[in-house]
Each structure stands twice: as structure tokens, then as C-alpha cells.
N, C-alpha and C. Protein backbone atom coordinates (compact mmCIF):
# COMPACT_ATOMS: atom_id res chain seq x y z
N MET A 1 71.28 65.32 156.18
CA MET A 1 70.27 65.20 155.13
C MET A 1 69.63 66.54 154.82
N ALA A 2 69.40 67.31 155.90
CA ALA A 2 68.78 68.62 155.70
C ALA A 2 69.67 69.52 154.84
N TRP A 3 71.01 69.41 155.07
CA TRP A 3 71.94 70.23 154.29
C TRP A 3 71.92 69.83 152.82
N ILE A 4 71.87 68.51 152.57
CA ILE A 4 71.82 68.03 151.17
C ILE A 4 70.54 68.48 150.50
N GLU A 5 69.44 68.41 151.23
CA GLU A 5 68.16 68.84 150.66
C GLU A 5 68.16 70.32 150.36
N LYS A 6 68.82 71.09 151.24
CA LYS A 6 68.91 72.54 151.02
C LYS A 6 69.72 72.85 149.78
N GLN A 7 70.85 72.13 149.59
CA GLN A 7 71.67 72.33 148.40
C GLN A 7 70.94 71.93 147.13
N ARG A 8 70.15 70.85 147.22
CA ARG A 8 69.37 70.42 146.06
C ARG A 8 68.34 71.47 145.69
N ASN A 9 67.71 72.08 146.68
CA ASN A 9 66.71 73.12 146.41
C ASN A 9 67.35 74.34 145.75
N ILE A 10 68.55 74.68 146.26
CA ILE A 10 69.26 75.82 145.65
C ILE A 10 69.61 75.53 144.20
N LEU A 11 70.07 74.30 143.93
CA LEU A 11 70.42 73.92 142.56
C LEU A 11 69.19 73.91 141.66
N ASP A 12 68.07 73.40 142.17
CA ASP A 12 66.84 73.40 141.39
C ASP A 12 66.38 74.81 141.07
N PHE A 13 66.52 75.70 142.06
CA PHE A 13 66.13 77.09 141.84
C PHE A 13 67.00 77.75 140.78
N ALA A 14 68.31 77.47 140.85
CA ALA A 14 69.23 78.06 139.87
C ALA A 14 68.95 77.54 138.47
N LEU A 15 68.71 76.25 138.35
CA LEU A 15 68.42 75.67 137.03
C LEU A 15 67.11 76.21 136.48
N SER A 16 66.09 76.34 137.34
CA SER A 16 64.81 76.86 136.87
C SER A 16 64.94 78.31 136.43
N SER A 17 65.79 79.09 137.13
CA SER A 17 66.02 80.48 136.74
C SER A 17 66.71 80.56 135.38
N LEU A 18 67.68 79.65 135.18
CA LEU A 18 68.37 79.63 133.89
C LEU A 18 67.43 79.23 132.76
N LEU A 19 66.56 78.28 133.02
CA LEU A 19 65.64 77.81 131.99
C LEU A 19 64.59 78.86 131.66
N ARG A 20 64.18 79.64 132.66
CA ARG A 20 63.17 80.67 132.40
C ARG A 20 63.72 81.76 131.50
N ARG A 21 65.02 82.05 131.61
CA ARG A 21 65.65 83.10 130.80
C ARG A 21 66.77 82.50 129.95
N TRP A 22 66.48 81.40 129.28
CA TRP A 22 67.53 80.69 128.56
C TRP A 22 68.09 81.52 127.40
N GLY A 23 67.23 82.32 126.76
CA GLY A 23 67.72 83.13 125.64
C GLY A 23 68.71 84.18 126.09
N LYS A 24 68.39 84.88 127.18
CA LYS A 24 69.28 85.91 127.71
C LYS A 24 70.58 85.30 128.21
N ASN A 25 70.47 84.18 128.92
CA ASN A 25 71.67 83.52 129.45
C ASN A 25 72.57 83.00 128.33
N LEU A 26 71.95 82.45 127.27
CA LEU A 26 72.74 81.98 126.13
C LEU A 26 73.46 83.12 125.45
N ALA A 27 72.79 84.28 125.35
CA ALA A 27 73.42 85.45 124.74
C ALA A 27 74.61 85.91 125.57
N LEU A 28 74.47 85.86 126.90
CA LEU A 28 75.58 86.25 127.77
C LEU A 28 76.77 85.31 127.61
N VAL A 29 76.48 84.02 127.53
CA VAL A 29 77.56 83.05 127.34
C VAL A 29 78.30 83.30 126.03
N VAL A 30 77.53 83.58 124.97
CA VAL A 30 78.15 83.85 123.66
C VAL A 30 79.00 85.11 123.71
N VAL A 31 78.47 86.16 124.36
CA VAL A 31 79.21 87.42 124.44
C VAL A 31 80.49 87.26 125.24
N TYR A 32 80.40 86.59 126.39
CA TYR A 32 81.59 86.38 127.22
C TYR A 32 82.62 85.52 126.51
N THR A 33 82.16 84.49 125.80
CA THR A 33 83.08 83.64 125.04
C THR A 33 83.79 84.44 123.95
N LEU A 34 83.04 85.31 123.27
CA LEU A 34 83.62 86.13 122.21
C LEU A 34 84.65 87.10 122.77
N ILE A 35 84.35 87.70 123.94
CA ILE A 35 85.30 88.63 124.56
C ILE A 35 86.59 87.92 124.95
N VAL A 36 86.46 86.74 125.56
CA VAL A 36 87.64 85.96 125.95
C VAL A 36 88.46 85.58 124.72
N PHE A 37 87.77 85.18 123.64
CA PHE A 37 88.46 84.80 122.40
C PHE A 37 89.23 85.99 121.82
N ILE A 38 88.60 87.17 121.79
CA ILE A 38 89.26 88.35 121.23
C ILE A 38 90.48 88.74 122.06
N LEU A 39 90.31 88.76 123.40
CA LEU A 39 91.43 89.12 124.27
C LEU A 39 92.59 88.13 124.15
N ALA A 40 92.25 86.83 124.10
CA ALA A 40 93.31 85.83 123.95
C ALA A 40 94.03 85.98 122.61
N SER A 41 93.27 86.29 121.56
CA SER A 41 93.90 86.48 120.24
C SER A 41 94.85 87.67 120.25
N ILE A 42 94.43 88.76 120.92
CA ILE A 42 95.28 89.95 120.99
C ILE A 42 96.57 89.64 121.76
N PHE A 43 96.45 88.93 122.88
CA PHE A 43 97.63 88.59 123.66
C PHE A 43 98.59 87.69 122.88
N PHE A 44 98.04 86.68 122.18
CA PHE A 44 98.89 85.79 121.39
C PHE A 44 99.56 86.55 120.25
N LEU A 45 98.80 87.45 119.57
CA LEU A 45 99.37 88.21 118.47
C LEU A 45 100.46 89.16 118.95
N THR A 46 100.23 89.82 120.07
CA THR A 46 101.24 90.72 120.64
C THR A 46 102.51 89.97 120.99
N HIS A 47 102.35 88.80 121.61
CA HIS A 47 103.51 87.99 121.97
C HIS A 47 104.28 87.54 120.73
N SER A 48 103.56 87.16 119.67
CA SER A 48 104.21 86.71 118.44
C SER A 48 104.99 87.84 117.79
N ILE A 49 104.40 89.05 117.76
CA ILE A 49 105.07 90.19 117.16
C ILE A 49 106.34 90.54 117.94
N LYS A 50 106.25 90.53 119.27
CA LYS A 50 107.43 90.82 120.09
C LYS A 50 108.52 89.78 119.88
N ARG A 51 108.13 88.52 119.75
CA ARG A 51 109.11 87.46 119.55
C ARG A 51 109.81 87.61 118.20
N GLU A 52 109.02 87.87 117.14
CA GLU A 52 109.62 88.05 115.82
C GLU A 52 110.52 89.28 115.79
N ALA A 53 110.10 90.36 116.47
CA ALA A 53 110.92 91.57 116.49
C ALA A 53 112.24 91.32 117.20
N SER A 54 112.21 90.56 118.29
CA SER A 54 113.46 90.26 119.01
C SER A 54 114.40 89.42 118.16
N ILE A 55 113.84 88.50 117.37
CA ILE A 55 114.68 87.67 116.49
C ILE A 55 115.30 88.52 115.38
N VAL A 56 114.48 89.43 114.80
CA VAL A 56 114.97 90.28 113.72
C VAL A 56 116.06 91.22 114.21
N LEU A 57 115.87 91.80 115.41
CA LEU A 57 116.80 92.79 115.92
C LEU A 57 118.00 92.19 116.64
N GLN A 58 118.04 90.86 116.74
CA GLN A 58 119.11 90.22 117.49
C GLN A 58 120.48 90.51 116.90
N GLU A 59 120.57 90.51 115.57
CA GLU A 59 121.85 90.74 114.90
C GLU A 59 121.98 92.15 114.35
N SER A 60 121.11 93.06 114.77
CA SER A 60 121.17 94.42 114.26
C SER A 60 122.36 95.16 114.86
N PRO A 61 122.92 96.14 114.15
CA PRO A 61 124.09 96.85 114.66
C PRO A 61 123.74 97.70 115.87
N GLU A 62 124.73 97.95 116.72
CA GLU A 62 124.51 98.74 117.92
C GLU A 62 124.33 100.22 117.57
N ILE A 63 125.15 100.72 116.65
CA ILE A 63 125.06 102.13 116.23
C ILE A 63 125.19 102.18 114.71
N VAL A 64 124.34 102.99 114.07
CA VAL A 64 124.41 103.22 112.62
C VAL A 64 124.73 104.69 112.38
N VAL A 65 125.80 104.93 111.62
CA VAL A 65 126.22 106.29 111.29
C VAL A 65 125.85 106.56 109.84
N GLN A 66 125.07 107.62 109.62
CA GLN A 66 124.67 108.01 108.27
C GLN A 66 125.05 109.46 108.04
N ARG A 67 125.32 109.75 106.80
CA ARG A 67 125.66 111.12 106.41
C ARG A 67 124.42 111.80 105.85
N VAL A 68 124.12 112.98 106.35
CA VAL A 68 122.94 113.73 105.92
C VAL A 68 123.38 115.09 105.41
N ILE A 69 122.97 115.42 104.18
CA ILE A 69 123.25 116.71 103.57
C ILE A 69 121.93 117.33 103.14
N ALA A 70 121.66 118.53 103.64
CA ALA A 70 120.41 119.24 103.33
C ALA A 70 119.19 118.40 103.67
N GLY A 71 119.32 117.63 104.75
CA GLY A 71 118.19 116.83 105.21
C GLY A 71 117.98 115.55 104.44
N ARG A 72 118.89 115.21 103.55
CA ARG A 72 118.76 114.00 102.75
C ARG A 72 119.92 113.05 103.03
N HIS A 73 119.62 111.76 102.99
CA HIS A 73 120.62 110.73 103.21
C HIS A 73 121.62 110.73 102.06
N ASP A 74 122.93 110.81 102.37
CA ASP A 74 123.97 110.87 101.35
C ASP A 74 124.98 109.75 101.60
N LEU A 75 125.83 109.48 100.60
CA LEU A 75 126.85 108.44 100.73
C LEU A 75 127.93 108.86 101.72
N VAL A 76 128.50 107.86 102.39
CA VAL A 76 129.53 108.10 103.40
C VAL A 76 130.89 107.77 102.80
N PRO A 77 131.84 108.71 102.80
CA PRO A 77 133.19 108.40 102.28
C PRO A 77 133.95 107.50 103.25
N GLU A 78 134.89 106.75 102.71
CA GLU A 78 135.67 105.83 103.52
C GLU A 78 136.51 106.55 104.57
N SER A 79 136.85 107.80 104.33
CA SER A 79 137.67 108.56 105.27
C SER A 79 136.97 108.73 106.62
N TYR A 80 135.64 108.67 106.64
CA TYR A 80 134.91 108.79 107.90
C TYR A 80 135.25 107.64 108.84
N MET A 81 135.52 106.47 108.27
CA MET A 81 135.76 105.29 109.09
C MET A 81 137.00 105.46 109.95
N GLU A 82 138.05 106.03 109.38
CA GLU A 82 139.28 106.23 110.14
C GLU A 82 139.05 107.20 111.29
N ALA A 83 138.28 108.25 111.04
CA ALA A 83 138.01 109.22 112.11
C ALA A 83 137.16 108.60 113.21
N ILE A 84 136.21 107.74 112.83
CA ILE A 84 135.34 107.11 113.83
C ILE A 84 136.11 106.08 114.65
N ARG A 85 137.06 105.39 114.03
CA ARG A 85 137.85 104.40 114.77
C ARG A 85 138.64 105.03 115.91
N ARG A 86 138.97 106.30 115.79
CA ARG A 86 139.76 106.97 116.82
C ARG A 86 138.92 107.43 118.01
N ILE A 87 137.60 107.27 117.92
CA ILE A 87 136.73 107.68 119.02
C ILE A 87 136.86 106.66 120.15
N PRO A 88 137.13 107.08 121.37
CA PRO A 88 137.25 106.13 122.49
C PRO A 88 135.96 105.34 122.69
N GLY A 89 136.11 104.05 122.90
CA GLY A 89 134.96 103.19 123.13
C GLY A 89 134.47 102.45 121.91
N VAL A 90 134.91 102.87 120.73
CA VAL A 90 134.50 102.19 119.50
C VAL A 90 135.35 100.94 119.32
N ARG A 91 134.68 99.80 119.18
CA ARG A 91 135.40 98.53 119.10
C ARG A 91 135.52 98.03 117.66
N LEU A 92 134.47 98.21 116.85
CA LEU A 92 134.47 97.70 115.48
C LEU A 92 133.71 98.66 114.58
N VAL A 93 134.31 98.99 113.44
CA VAL A 93 133.69 99.87 112.45
C VAL A 93 133.56 99.09 111.15
N LYS A 94 132.35 99.11 110.59
CA LYS A 94 132.11 98.32 109.39
C LYS A 94 131.22 99.11 108.43
N GLU A 95 131.59 99.08 107.15
CA GLU A 95 130.80 99.78 106.15
C GLU A 95 129.66 98.90 105.64
N ARG A 96 128.61 99.53 105.11
CA ARG A 96 127.49 98.80 104.53
C ARG A 96 127.10 99.40 103.18
N LEU A 97 126.68 98.52 102.29
CA LEU A 97 126.15 98.93 101.00
C LEU A 97 124.75 98.33 100.85
N TRP A 98 123.75 99.19 100.70
CA TRP A 98 122.39 98.73 100.48
C TRP A 98 121.60 99.87 99.83
N GLY A 99 120.51 99.52 99.19
CA GLY A 99 119.69 100.53 98.54
C GLY A 99 118.39 99.93 98.02
N TYR A 100 117.54 100.78 97.50
CA TYR A 100 116.23 100.36 96.98
C TYR A 100 116.24 100.45 95.46
N TYR A 101 115.80 99.38 94.83
CA TYR A 101 115.75 99.31 93.37
C TYR A 101 114.29 99.24 92.94
N PHE A 102 113.87 100.17 92.09
CA PHE A 102 112.51 100.17 91.58
C PHE A 102 112.46 99.45 90.24
N GLU A 103 111.58 98.47 90.15
CA GLU A 103 111.40 97.71 88.91
C GLU A 103 110.17 98.25 88.18
N PRO A 104 110.36 99.02 87.11
CA PRO A 104 109.21 99.65 86.44
C PRO A 104 108.26 98.65 85.79
N ALA A 105 108.77 97.50 85.38
CA ALA A 105 107.91 96.52 84.69
C ALA A 105 106.83 95.97 85.61
N THR A 106 107.15 95.78 86.88
CA THR A 106 106.20 95.21 87.83
C THR A 106 105.73 96.23 88.87
N GLY A 107 106.40 97.39 88.93
CA GLY A 107 106.05 98.38 89.93
C GLY A 107 106.50 98.01 91.33
N ALA A 108 107.44 97.08 91.45
CA ALA A 108 107.90 96.60 92.76
C ALA A 108 109.17 97.31 93.18
N ASN A 109 109.34 97.45 94.48
CA ASN A 109 110.57 97.99 95.06
C ASN A 109 111.33 96.86 95.74
N TYR A 110 112.57 96.67 95.33
CA TYR A 110 113.42 95.64 95.93
C TYR A 110 114.47 96.29 96.82
N THR A 111 114.87 95.57 97.85
CA THR A 111 115.95 96.02 98.73
C THR A 111 117.21 95.26 98.37
N MET A 112 118.18 95.96 97.82
CA MET A 112 119.45 95.32 97.45
C MET A 112 120.47 95.52 98.56
N VAL A 113 121.12 94.45 98.98
CA VAL A 113 122.10 94.52 100.05
C VAL A 113 123.36 93.77 99.64
N VAL A 114 124.49 94.26 100.11
CA VAL A 114 125.77 93.59 99.92
C VAL A 114 126.17 93.02 101.28
N THR A 115 126.38 91.73 101.33
CA THR A 115 126.79 91.08 102.58
C THR A 115 128.19 90.51 102.42
N ASP A 116 128.75 90.10 103.54
CA ASP A 116 130.12 89.56 103.51
C ASP A 116 130.22 88.33 102.61
N GLY A 117 129.19 87.51 102.62
CA GLY A 117 129.25 86.27 101.84
C GLY A 117 129.02 86.46 100.37
N SER A 118 128.48 87.63 99.97
CA SER A 118 128.15 87.82 98.55
C SER A 118 129.14 88.71 97.81
N ARG A 119 130.18 89.21 98.47
CA ARG A 119 131.03 90.20 97.83
C ARG A 119 131.90 89.59 96.74
N THR A 120 132.12 88.30 96.74
CA THR A 120 132.96 87.67 95.72
C THR A 120 132.14 86.95 94.66
N LYS A 121 130.82 87.03 94.76
CA LYS A 121 129.96 86.31 93.82
C LYS A 121 129.43 87.26 92.76
N ASN A 122 130.31 87.72 91.90
CA ASN A 122 129.87 88.60 90.83
C ASN A 122 129.04 87.85 89.81
N GLY A 123 127.96 88.49 89.35
CA GLY A 123 127.11 87.90 88.31
C GLY A 123 125.97 87.06 88.83
N VAL A 124 125.90 86.82 90.15
CA VAL A 124 124.82 86.01 90.71
C VAL A 124 124.20 86.77 91.88
N ILE A 125 122.96 86.42 92.20
CA ILE A 125 122.24 87.04 93.30
C ILE A 125 121.46 85.98 94.06
N ASN A 126 121.15 86.29 95.30
CA ASN A 126 120.23 85.50 96.12
C ASN A 126 119.01 86.38 96.39
N ILE A 127 117.82 85.83 96.23
CA ILE A 127 116.62 86.66 96.31
C ILE A 127 115.62 86.08 97.29
N GLY A 128 114.72 86.94 97.75
CA GLY A 128 113.64 86.52 98.63
C GLY A 128 112.49 85.91 97.85
N THR A 129 111.60 85.26 98.57
CA THR A 129 110.47 84.61 97.91
C THR A 129 109.54 85.62 97.24
N GLY A 130 109.44 86.81 97.81
CA GLY A 130 108.60 87.83 97.18
C GLY A 130 109.14 88.28 95.84
N VAL A 131 110.47 88.43 95.76
CA VAL A 131 111.10 88.81 94.49
C VAL A 131 110.88 87.71 93.46
N ALA A 132 111.07 86.46 93.87
CA ALA A 132 110.88 85.34 92.94
C ALA A 132 109.44 85.27 92.46
N ARG A 133 108.51 85.55 93.35
CA ARG A 133 107.10 85.49 92.98
C ARG A 133 106.73 86.60 92.01
N VAL A 134 107.19 87.82 92.27
CA VAL A 134 106.85 88.95 91.41
C VAL A 134 107.54 88.84 90.06
N ALA A 135 108.82 88.46 90.07
CA ALA A 135 109.58 88.36 88.82
C ALA A 135 109.28 87.08 88.06
N GLY A 136 108.66 86.11 88.72
CA GLY A 136 108.35 84.84 88.06
C GLY A 136 109.59 84.05 87.68
N VAL A 137 110.56 83.97 88.61
CA VAL A 137 111.82 83.28 88.32
C VAL A 137 112.06 82.18 89.34
N GLN A 138 112.95 81.28 88.98
CA GLN A 138 113.40 80.22 89.86
C GLN A 138 114.93 80.24 89.89
N GLU A 139 115.50 79.32 90.64
CA GLU A 139 116.95 79.23 90.68
C GLU A 139 117.52 78.94 89.30
N GLU A 140 118.65 79.56 89.00
CA GLU A 140 119.38 79.47 87.74
C GLU A 140 118.74 80.30 86.63
N ASP A 141 117.62 80.98 86.90
CA ASP A 141 117.08 81.95 85.94
C ASP A 141 117.85 83.26 86.07
N THR A 142 117.69 84.14 85.11
CA THR A 142 118.37 85.44 85.14
C THR A 142 117.34 86.56 85.24
N ILE A 143 117.74 87.64 85.90
CA ILE A 143 116.91 88.83 86.03
C ILE A 143 117.70 90.02 85.51
N PRO A 144 117.16 90.79 84.57
CA PRO A 144 117.87 91.98 84.10
C PRO A 144 117.59 93.18 85.01
N PHE A 145 118.63 93.94 85.31
CA PHE A 145 118.51 95.14 86.14
C PHE A 145 119.04 96.33 85.34
N LYS A 146 118.28 97.40 85.35
CA LYS A 146 118.69 98.60 84.63
C LYS A 146 119.56 99.45 85.53
N SER A 147 120.75 99.80 85.06
CA SER A 147 121.68 100.59 85.86
C SER A 147 121.37 102.08 85.71
N SER A 148 122.05 102.87 86.54
CA SER A 148 121.86 104.32 86.46
C SER A 148 122.33 104.89 85.12
N ALA A 149 123.23 104.17 84.46
CA ALA A 149 123.73 104.63 83.15
C ALA A 149 122.79 104.27 82.01
N GLY A 150 121.73 103.50 82.30
CA GLY A 150 120.77 103.12 81.27
C GLY A 150 121.04 101.77 80.64
N THR A 151 122.16 101.15 80.99
CA THR A 151 122.47 99.81 80.48
C THR A 151 121.86 98.74 81.39
N TYR A 152 121.77 97.53 80.85
CA TYR A 152 121.16 96.43 81.61
C TYR A 152 122.24 95.44 82.04
N LEU A 153 122.05 94.93 83.25
CA LEU A 153 122.96 93.95 83.82
C LEU A 153 122.13 92.72 84.20
N SER A 154 122.38 91.59 83.54
CA SER A 154 121.64 90.36 83.80
C SER A 154 122.38 89.55 84.85
N LEU A 155 121.67 89.20 85.94
CA LEU A 155 122.26 88.45 87.04
C LEU A 155 121.50 87.14 87.23
N GLU A 156 122.25 86.09 87.51
CA GLU A 156 121.66 84.76 87.68
C GLU A 156 121.23 84.54 89.13
N VAL A 157 120.06 83.95 89.29
CA VAL A 157 119.54 83.64 90.62
C VAL A 157 120.22 82.37 91.12
N ALA A 158 121.08 82.51 92.12
CA ALA A 158 121.79 81.36 92.67
C ALA A 158 120.99 80.65 93.74
N ASP A 159 120.22 81.42 94.52
CA ASP A 159 119.48 80.82 95.63
C ASP A 159 118.27 81.69 95.95
N ILE A 160 117.22 81.05 96.45
CA ILE A 160 116.02 81.74 96.92
C ILE A 160 115.90 81.50 98.43
N PHE A 161 115.77 82.58 99.19
CA PHE A 161 115.71 82.45 100.64
C PHE A 161 114.50 81.60 101.05
N PRO A 162 114.62 80.83 102.13
CA PRO A 162 113.52 79.97 102.56
C PRO A 162 112.31 80.78 103.00
N HIS A 163 111.14 80.13 102.99
CA HIS A 163 109.90 80.81 103.36
C HIS A 163 109.91 81.28 104.81
N GLU A 164 110.72 80.64 105.66
CA GLU A 164 110.77 81.04 107.07
C GLU A 164 111.30 82.47 107.23
N SER A 165 112.07 82.95 106.25
CA SER A 165 112.64 84.29 106.34
C SER A 165 111.82 85.33 105.59
N GLU A 166 110.62 84.97 105.15
CA GLU A 166 109.84 85.86 104.30
C GLU A 166 109.46 87.15 105.01
N LEU A 167 109.34 87.11 106.33
CA LEU A 167 108.94 88.30 107.07
C LEU A 167 109.92 89.45 106.87
N ILE A 168 111.22 89.15 106.79
CA ILE A 168 112.22 90.21 106.66
C ILE A 168 112.96 90.18 105.33
N ALA A 169 112.88 89.10 104.59
CA ALA A 169 113.69 88.97 103.37
C ALA A 169 112.84 88.74 102.12
N SER A 170 111.56 89.02 102.18
CA SER A 170 110.71 88.76 101.02
C SER A 170 111.11 89.59 99.81
N ASP A 171 111.45 90.88 100.02
CA ASP A 171 111.81 91.76 98.90
C ASP A 171 113.30 91.98 98.78
N MET A 172 114.09 91.12 99.42
CA MET A 172 115.54 91.34 99.49
C MET A 172 116.27 90.67 98.32
N ILE A 173 117.29 91.36 97.84
CA ILE A 173 118.19 90.82 96.83
C ILE A 173 119.61 90.95 97.37
N GLU A 174 120.27 89.82 97.55
CA GLU A 174 121.65 89.81 98.00
C GLU A 174 122.55 89.84 96.77
N ILE A 175 123.43 90.81 96.68
CA ILE A 175 124.19 91.06 95.45
C ILE A 175 125.65 91.33 95.80
N SER A 176 126.53 91.15 94.84
CA SER A 176 127.95 91.40 95.07
C SER A 176 128.21 92.90 95.08
N GLU A 177 129.32 93.29 95.67
CA GLU A 177 129.66 94.71 95.76
C GLU A 177 129.90 95.31 94.38
N GLU A 178 130.59 94.57 93.52
CA GLU A 178 130.89 95.10 92.19
C GLU A 178 129.62 95.33 91.38
N ASP A 179 128.70 94.36 91.41
CA ASP A 179 127.45 94.51 90.66
C ASP A 179 126.58 95.61 91.27
N PHE A 180 126.60 95.74 92.57
CA PHE A 180 125.83 96.79 93.23
C PHE A 180 126.31 98.17 92.79
N ARG A 181 127.63 98.35 92.76
CA ARG A 181 128.17 99.64 92.34
C ARG A 181 127.89 99.92 90.87
N LYS A 182 127.84 98.88 90.04
CA LYS A 182 127.52 99.07 88.63
C LYS A 182 126.09 99.54 88.44
N ILE A 183 125.16 98.96 89.18
CA ILE A 183 123.74 99.29 89.02
C ILE A 183 123.45 100.71 89.50
N PHE A 184 124.00 101.08 90.65
CA PHE A 184 123.68 102.38 91.25
C PHE A 184 124.75 103.45 90.98
N ALA A 185 125.80 103.10 90.25
CA ALA A 185 126.87 104.05 89.90
C ALA A 185 127.47 104.67 91.15
N ILE A 186 127.74 103.84 92.15
CA ILE A 186 128.36 104.31 93.38
C ILE A 186 129.87 104.15 93.24
N PRO A 187 130.62 105.23 93.40
CA PRO A 187 132.08 105.14 93.22
C PRO A 187 132.74 104.35 94.34
N GLU A 188 133.94 103.90 94.08
CA GLU A 188 134.71 103.21 95.10
C GLU A 188 134.97 104.13 96.30
N SER A 189 135.15 103.51 97.46
CA SER A 189 135.44 104.24 98.70
C SER A 189 134.26 105.04 99.21
N PHE A 190 133.05 104.77 98.70
CA PHE A 190 131.83 105.37 99.23
C PHE A 190 130.85 104.26 99.61
N PHE A 191 130.12 104.48 100.70
CA PHE A 191 129.22 103.46 101.22
C PHE A 191 127.89 104.09 101.63
N THR A 192 126.88 103.23 101.81
CA THR A 192 125.56 103.72 102.21
C THR A 192 125.58 104.26 103.63
N ASP A 193 126.14 103.50 104.55
CA ASP A 193 126.28 103.96 105.93
C ASP A 193 127.36 103.13 106.62
N ILE A 194 127.58 103.40 107.89
CA ILE A 194 128.61 102.73 108.68
C ILE A 194 127.98 102.22 109.97
N THR A 195 128.34 101.01 110.36
CA THR A 195 127.84 100.46 111.62
C THR A 195 128.97 100.36 112.63
N LEU A 196 128.62 100.53 113.89
CA LEU A 196 129.61 100.51 114.96
C LEU A 196 129.23 99.49 116.02
N GLN A 197 130.26 98.93 116.64
CA GLN A 197 130.12 98.18 117.88
C GLN A 197 130.95 98.87 118.93
N VAL A 198 130.36 99.04 120.11
CA VAL A 198 131.04 99.76 121.17
C VAL A 198 131.40 98.80 122.29
N ARG A 199 132.34 99.22 123.14
CA ARG A 199 132.82 98.35 124.21
C ARG A 199 131.77 98.14 125.29
N ASN A 200 130.98 99.15 125.58
CA ASN A 200 129.91 99.01 126.56
C ASN A 200 128.64 98.55 125.85
N LYS A 201 128.07 97.45 126.30
CA LYS A 201 126.85 96.92 125.69
C LYS A 201 125.73 97.92 125.82
N MET A 202 124.99 98.09 124.71
CA MET A 202 123.88 99.03 124.70
C MET A 202 122.59 98.28 125.02
N ASN A 203 121.76 98.86 125.90
CA ASN A 203 120.50 98.23 126.31
C ASN A 203 119.37 98.67 125.41
């Protein structure tokens, strides 16, 4: 009984101390709660960014070869691919076509890419949600693109990428190789860069 009475006295003393300085104690609780909330938010945000980055980079090429002349990125001729294939350890060599298109009417920059699935779809494009929003178009609408020669090429929107891909594909336009070369006046047998896969996995 004496022990219980002693614990009750300690509890009464603690409660009375809290009540005497309730304003200060309440401020401490608010401050500590805010600090825990901020730290938890930072940890969750960091984890989310790392997770999204790992998903984005999962299918990225192991090695990217680009041609640089006078410190500027230049087109890569197809002859480079044969020389690279002869390098020991190279397992797969693949060319890529991509570039940035500036739309003067809206002031937007689009990323145009040629993928394996779009190379036979001349006259149509697949676009990101950001492109659709800025251009004000929907599926089966057409978007005119000004080529390097000054002529216009109208392409039909075949598909709009889902909102789940907006983080990486919002400004993306998937286009056929023939239409891409027409817009940017890129000659045959030239590419933006070359990607490699090697026999030893890269960490």
C-alpha cells in the first residue's frame, strides 16, 4: 500500500507541475509534433523519389555513346556501330533517334523520340498528357509541326500516354523514324546516339 501511495503522490506531483506550466508544455508538444511531422515527411518524400528513380532507370541503357565536335553534341554516323561491335565485351549495339522540338505558338519544348514500336507508324504520333494539355488536343486530332525546311507536317494523335507515366512522359512525343527525319532534316544512316549492352553487368 505504501508503494501505491508513493506512486500516486508522484503522479499527482507530475500532473500539478504540468498544470502549473500548461502553456509552456503545450508549446513543447506542438513543437515536437511539428518536428516529427517534418522529419517523417522528408523520409517519405526521399523514399518516393528513390523508388520512382529506380523505376525510371530500370530500362535505361548500360552505356550511351555520343559524338561530340567542338564541345557540341553531333549526329553519329552508322559506320560507328560496326566499329563498336568489334570491341570485346560489347553484346548489343542499338541506334537511337530523339531530339527537342520547340513549339513557338505555345513556347513549349517537346521531346520527340523514335521507338521500336513507332517506326512503322508514319503520319501518327503518341503524346504525353502534358503535350495534350498544352496543345489542347485529344486522340484522333492532328498537330502541325514545322520542319527545318519551313514546311509543315500534320500528324494525327493515335494515343495519349496514361497519367501514371506523366512523371517521365509528360512532354514526350513518340514519332515514326521517317517523320522524325522529315521534321529535323536528319539524313539516313545518321542517329542521335548509340546505346550499348555489355557482357559484364554494370553496377
